[in-house]
């Protein structure tokens, strides 16, 4: 099924949010509020979310809309990749999450890996910066960029976090059921290429 409806809804929502952030004219504000309502109706029509929940989701956003940023840690050991099992869907993902305000991407990933897996790491290099819309993730209300940072374990020991219930390393050809909101099989396979060929250039989009 085409996701074009989702792109229309997100674009309308972004335009309405920007308009509400900068408009002073009362009539323009009414028009932008109507645009936001249309985007909510589109999302409600094509998803199982209730309109009130979508409205709350969109209403919390203010200012000029930009993509949200998600950072993921790429950690290899014995030719296997570190993954954590997410409580939210009981499936596997690279450790990581949304970037926190006040922390750089590398600081964020060090924190996320420690919290979700128990390992202490040092960031080595940026391996990928991807637009979520260009990869086979499930539809989402917002636009995301995903940062993948190669890291090396320097200490710690396996320990589950608040959001995870299991930790393990997996070989390229025996990946577990993936949390596809967070990472896709094609992305994981691409990351293994950096293990085989460390000189590969950073990929983007």
Protein backbone atom coordinates (compact mmCIF):
# COMPACT_ATOMS: atom_id res chain seq x y z
CA UNK A 1 0.00 0.00 0.00
CA UNK A 2 1.36 3.43 -0.91
CA UNK A 3 2.52 5.63 1.96
CA UNK A 4 1.80 8.81 0.02
CA UNK A 5 -1.05 9.66 2.41
CA UNK A 6 1.47 9.66 5.26
CA UNK A 7 3.81 12.03 3.41
CA UNK A 8 0.90 14.39 2.69
CA UNK A 9 -0.20 14.33 6.34
CA UNK A 10 3.32 14.97 7.65
CA UNK A 11 3.90 17.78 5.16
CA UNK A 12 0.60 19.47 5.99
CA UNK A 13 1.35 19.14 9.70
CA UNK A 14 4.84 20.64 9.27
CA UNK A 15 3.49 23.59 7.26
CA UNK A 16 0.74 24.24 9.79
CA UNK A 17 3.19 24.08 12.70
CA UNK A 18 5.57 26.54 11.04
CA UNK A 19 2.66 28.84 10.22
CA UNK A 20 1.40 28.77 13.80
CA UNK A 21 4.91 29.53 15.05
CA UNK A 22 5.43 32.65 12.93
CA UNK A 23 1.99 34.04 12.05
CA UNK A 24 0.58 37.08 13.85
CA UNK A 25 -2.58 37.54 11.81
CA UNK A 26 -5.60 35.95 13.51
CA UNK A 27 -7.09 34.78 10.21
CA UNK A 28 -3.85 33.12 9.12
CA UNK A 29 -3.64 31.39 12.50
CA UNK A 30 -7.15 30.01 11.98
CA UNK A 31 -6.16 28.71 8.53
CA UNK A 32 -3.04 26.98 9.91
CA UNK A 33 -5.07 25.43 12.70
CA UNK A 34 -7.45 24.10 10.06
CA UNK A 35 -4.50 22.64 8.14
CA UNK A 36 -3.33 20.89 11.29
CA UNK A 37 -6.83 19.47 11.78
CA UNK A 38 -6.77 18.13 8.22
CA UNK A 39 -3.45 16.39 8.87
CA UNK A 40 -4.93 14.84 12.03
CA UNK A 41 -7.95 13.58 10.09
CA UNK A 42 -5.72 11.99 7.45
CA UNK A 43 -3.65 10.21 10.11
CA UNK A 44 -6.78 9.00 11.93
CA UNK A 45 -8.33 7.71 8.69
CA UNK A 46 -5.32 5.55 7.80
CA UNK A 47 -4.14 4.37 11.24
CA UNK A 48 -5.63 2.82 14.36
CA UNK A 49 -4.77 5.88 16.46
CA UNK A 50 -7.61 7.90 17.93
CA UNK A 51 -7.94 11.51 16.78
CA UNK A 52 -7.45 12.86 20.31
CA UNK A 53 -4.15 11.00 20.63
CA UNK A 54 -2.96 12.29 17.27
CA UNK A 55 -4.06 15.81 18.19
CA UNK A 56 -2.10 15.61 21.45
CA UNK A 57 0.92 14.30 19.55
CA UNK A 58 0.86 17.12 17.01
CA UNK A 59 -0.16 19.86 19.46
CA UNK A 60 2.95 19.32 21.58
CA UNK A 61 5.12 20.34 18.63
CA UNK A 62 5.92 24.04 18.37
CA UNK A 63 8.26 26.17 16.29
CA UNK A 64 9.66 25.41 12.85
CA UNK A 65 9.44 21.69 12.23
CA UNK A 66 12.66 19.81 11.47
CA UNK A 67 13.48 16.07 11.37
CA UNK A 68 13.99 14.35 14.71
CA UNK A 69 17.33 12.62 15.33
CA UNK A 70 17.84 9.01 16.43
CA UNK A 71 21.34 7.68 17.22
CA UNK A 72 22.33 3.99 17.13
CA UNK A 73 25.51 2.29 18.34
CA UNK A 74 27.35 -0.16 16.07
CA UNK A 75 29.42 -2.46 18.28
CA UNK A 76 31.17 -5.59 16.98
CA UNK A 77 32.74 -8.42 18.96
CA UNK A 78 34.09 -11.64 17.45
CA UNK A 79 32.50 -10.73 14.09
CA UNK A 80 29.08 -10.33 15.69
CA UNK A 81 27.00 -7.21 16.30
CA UNK A 82 25.62 -6.06 19.65
CA UNK A 83 21.83 -5.87 19.91
CA UNK A 84 19.32 -5.36 22.72
CA UNK A 85 15.79 -6.67 23.01
CA UNK A 86 13.29 -3.83 23.37
CA UNK A 87 10.54 -4.05 25.99
CA UNK A 88 8.13 -2.09 23.80
CA UNK A 89 7.83 -4.76 21.09
CA UNK A 90 10.02 -7.64 22.38
CA UNK A 91 12.21 -7.41 19.29
CA UNK A 92 15.86 -6.61 18.71
CA UNK A 93 17.61 -3.35 17.90
CA UNK A 94 20.99 -1.69 17.99
CA UNK A 95 21.31 0.16 21.31
CA UNK A 96 20.33 3.80 21.00
CA UNK A 97 17.46 6.25 20.93
CA UNK A 98 16.54 9.90 20.45
CA UNK A 99 19.35 12.40 20.93
CA UNK A 100 19.01 14.30 24.20
CA UNK A 101 19.32 18.06 24.33
CA UNK A 102 22.72 19.16 25.65
CA UNK A 103 24.61 16.07 24.48
CA UNK A 104 26.51 15.60 21.24
CA UNK A 105 25.74 12.54 19.07
CA UNK A 106 28.82 10.70 20.40
CA UNK A 107 27.96 11.58 24.00
CA UNK A 108 24.41 10.38 23.39
CA UNK A 109 25.48 7.00 22.07
CA UNK A 110 27.93 6.38 24.90
CA UNK A 111 25.08 7.05 27.35
CA UNK A 112 22.54 4.93 25.44
CA UNK A 113 24.83 1.92 25.09
CA UNK A 114 25.69 2.01 28.79
CA UNK A 115 22.04 2.33 29.82
CA UNK A 116 20.71 -0.36 27.47
CA UNK A 117 23.53 -2.93 27.46
CA UNK A 118 25.85 -2.22 30.40
CA UNK A 119 28.93 -1.78 28.23
CA UNK A 120 31.31 1.18 28.37
CA UNK A 121 32.30 2.24 24.87
CA UNK A 122 34.32 4.83 23.03
CA UNK A 123 32.98 6.21 19.71
CA UNK A 124 35.27 5.51 16.77
CA UNK A 125 33.62 6.98 13.69
CA UNK A 126 30.37 7.95 12.00
CA UNK A 127 29.44 5.17 9.58
CA UNK A 128 25.99 6.23 8.36
CA UNK A 129 23.53 9.11 8.44
CA UNK A 130 20.23 7.88 6.99
CA UNK A 131 16.85 9.40 6.19
CA UNK A 132 14.27 7.03 7.66
CA UNK A 133 11.87 7.79 4.80
CA UNK A 134 14.30 6.21 2.33
CA UNK A 135 14.42 2.86 4.14
CA UNK A 136 11.81 0.12 4.74
CA UNK A 137 10.67 1.22 8.20
CA UNK A 138 6.97 1.16 9.20
CA UNK A 139 5.09 4.46 8.65
CA UNK A 140 5.49 7.10 11.37
CA UNK A 141 3.98 10.49 12.08
CA UNK A 142 7.30 12.31 12.07
CA UNK A 143 10.35 12.56 9.85
CA UNK A 144 13.53 11.05 11.34
CA UNK A 145 17.24 11.06 10.59
CA UNK A 146 19.19 8.07 11.94
CA UNK A 147 22.84 8.36 12.99
CA UNK A 148 24.91 5.15 13.19
CA UNK A 149 28.17 5.44 15.15
CA UNK A 150 30.79 2.68 15.28
CA UNK A 151 31.94 2.14 18.87
CA UNK A 152 34.51 0.00 20.68
CA UNK A 153 33.93 -1.70 24.04
CA UNK A 154 36.41 -0.56 26.69
CA UNK A 155 34.74 -1.92 29.82
CA UNK A 156 31.53 -2.75 31.62
CA UNK A 157 29.56 -5.97 31.49
CA UNK A 158 26.21 -7.06 30.03
CA UNK A 159 23.32 -5.56 31.98
CA UNK A 160 19.75 -4.92 30.87
CA UNK A 161 18.28 -1.44 31.17
CA UNK A 162 14.85 0.05 31.85
CA UNK A 163 13.88 -0.24 28.18
CA UNK A 164 15.57 -3.58 27.40
CA UNK A 165 15.15 -7.15 28.60
CA UNK A 166 17.98 -9.02 26.89
CA UNK A 167 21.43 -8.42 25.39
CA UNK A 168 23.31 -10.51 22.84
CA UNK A 169 25.71 -10.48 19.89
CA UNK A 170 24.54 -11.84 16.53
CA UNK A 171 26.35 -12.93 13.37
CA UNK A 172 25.41 -11.39 10.03
CA UNK A 173 23.58 -14.46 8.76
CA UNK A 174 21.63 -15.27 11.92
CA UNK A 175 19.91 -12.04 12.90
CA UNK A 176 17.00 -12.14 15.38
CA UNK A 177 13.50 -10.68 14.80
CA UNK A 178 14.19 -6.98 14.38
CA UNK A 179 12.41 -3.95 15.79
CA UNK A 180 11.93 -2.40 12.38
CA UNK A 181 10.93 0.99 13.76
CA UNK A 182 14.52 1.19 14.97
CA UNK A 183 16.57 -0.72 12.41
CA UNK A 184 16.02 -2.82 9.32
CA UNK A 185 17.74 -5.96 8.10
CA UNK A 186 19.21 -4.13 5.12
CA UNK A 187 20.73 -1.53 7.44
CA UNK A 188 22.31 -4.19 9.67
CA UNK A 189 23.77 -5.98 6.65
CA UNK A 190 25.19 -2.68 5.41
CA UNK A 191 26.81 -2.08 8.80
CA UNK A 192 28.56 -5.45 8.62
CA UNK A 193 30.30 -4.13 5.51
CA UNK A 194 32.19 -1.71 7.75
CA UNK A 195 33.43 -4.67 9.77
CA UNK A 196 34.71 -6.36 6.61
CA UNK A 197 36.02 -3.16 5.03
CA UNK A 198 36.91 -0.57 7.70
CA UNK A 199 38.08 1.88 5.02
CA UNK A 200 34.55 2.21 3.57
CA UNK A 201 33.34 5.78 3.36
CA UNK A 202 30.46 7.02 5.50
CA UNK A 203 27.11 6.48 3.80
CA UNK A 204 24.23 8.93 3.87
CA UNK A 205 20.56 9.13 2.84
